[in-house]
Amino acid sequence: MFSQNNDSCEAGQGKTELGGDPFRRRRYRLDRAGVAWLRFLVEGYDGLLFLRTLDGREALVELAWSPSCGDEAEAVLAALAAGCG
């Protein structure tokens, strides 16, 4: 259900300038029911990760986080991957 899609995102990361602080990004392709489930989980972390749906039909989502939260965000992503893999 939770697989990283590196094909459409260079090395799984991108940058967006927002107040001079680039966000880290990763894209994932989920099964369609997984989008709502992941959104629910991400909202529980209250601002640690941000999720946006890039393609609802293909269930392609992007997670973004600030570099200042990098270690914590990476730990959450690793736990999700381990629990869903």
Protein backbone atom coordinates (compact mmCIF):
# COMPACT_ATOMS: atom_id res chain seq x y z
CA MET A 1 0.00 0.00 0.00
CA PHE A 2 2.86 2.41 0.76
CA SER A 3 5.47 2.41 -1.99
CA GLN A 4 7.82 5.24 -2.83
CA ASN A 5 7.64 6.50 -6.38
CA ASN A 6 11.13 7.75 -7.19
CA ASP A 7 10.52 7.68 -10.94
CA SER A 8 8.61 10.93 -10.91
CA CYS A 9 10.66 12.71 -8.24
CA GLU A 10 14.41 13.12 -8.47
CA ALA A 11 15.92 11.01 -5.69
CA GLY A 12 12.60 11.31 -3.88
CA GLN A 13 13.29 14.92 -2.91
CA GLY A 14 12.58 18.36 -4.26
CA LYS A 15 12.89 21.92 -3.08
CA THR A 16 10.43 24.72 -2.71
CA GLU A 17 11.57 28.06 -1.44
CA LEU A 18 9.29 29.21 1.34
CA GLY A 19 10.83 31.87 3.51
CA GLY A 20 14.26 30.69 2.38
CA ASP A 21 13.74 27.23 3.88
CA PRO A 22 13.56 24.42 1.27
CA PHE A 23 11.14 21.62 1.98
CA ARG A 24 12.10 17.98 1.52
CA ARG A 25 9.63 15.97 -0.54
CA ARG A 26 8.85 12.36 -1.37
CA ARG A 27 6.20 10.95 -3.64
CA TYR A 28 4.33 7.72 -3.03
CA ARG A 29 1.85 5.67 -4.99
CA LEU A 30 -0.77 4.12 -2.74
CA ASP A 31 -3.85 2.07 -3.26
CA ARG A 32 -6.77 4.48 -3.47
CA ALA A 33 -8.09 3.75 0.03
CA GLY A 34 -4.62 4.43 1.39
CA VAL A 35 -4.75 8.14 0.55
CA ALA A 36 -7.39 8.90 3.20
CA TRP A 37 -5.65 6.59 5.69
CA LEU A 38 -2.30 8.33 5.19
CA ARG A 39 -3.89 11.78 5.40
CA PHE A 40 -5.47 10.79 8.72
CA LEU A 41 -2.10 9.63 10.08
CA VAL A 42 -0.20 12.68 8.84
CA GLU A 43 -2.72 15.05 10.42
CA GLY A 44 -2.07 13.33 13.75
CA TYR A 45 1.52 14.59 13.65
CA ASP A 46 0.28 18.20 13.64
CA GLY A 47 2.52 20.00 11.18
CA LEU A 48 5.45 17.57 11.06
CA LEU A 49 4.52 16.32 7.57
CA PHE A 50 2.34 17.84 4.87
CA LEU A 51 0.47 15.69 2.39
CA ARG A 52 -0.99 16.64 -0.95
CA THR A 53 -2.63 14.45 -3.55
CA LEU A 54 -0.98 14.86 -6.94
CA ASP A 55 -3.25 12.45 -8.84
CA GLY A 56 -6.39 11.11 -7.20
CA ARG A 57 -7.06 8.47 -9.86
CA GLU A 58 -3.54 7.08 -9.62
CA ALA A 59 -3.40 7.65 -5.83
CA LEU A 60 -0.12 9.53 -6.16
CA VAL A 61 0.67 11.67 -3.13
CA GLU A 62 3.52 13.86 -2.04
CA LEU A 63 4.74 14.24 1.52
CA ALA A 64 6.76 17.31 2.43
CA TRP A 65 8.54 18.42 5.58
CA SER A 66 10.90 21.11 6.75
CA PRO A 67 14.60 20.22 7.01
CA SER A 68 14.47 21.28 10.66
CA CYS A 69 12.11 18.33 11.27
CA GLY A 70 14.07 15.96 9.04
CA ASP A 71 15.10 13.32 11.59
CA GLU A 72 11.64 13.11 13.08
CA ALA A 73 9.93 13.02 9.67
CA GLU A 74 12.30 10.33 8.40
CA ALA A 75 11.57 8.23 11.51
CA VAL A 76 7.82 8.49 10.89
CA LEU A 77 8.24 7.53 7.23
CA ALA A 78 10.44 4.56 8.14
CA ALA A 79 7.88 3.37 10.71
CA LEU A 80 5.07 3.67 8.13
CA ALA A 81 7.08 1.77 5.54
CA ALA A 82 7.92 -0.98 8.04
CA GLY A 83 4.33 -1.28 9.19
CA CYS A 84 2.91 -1.34 5.68
CA GLY A 85 5.59 -3.28 3.87
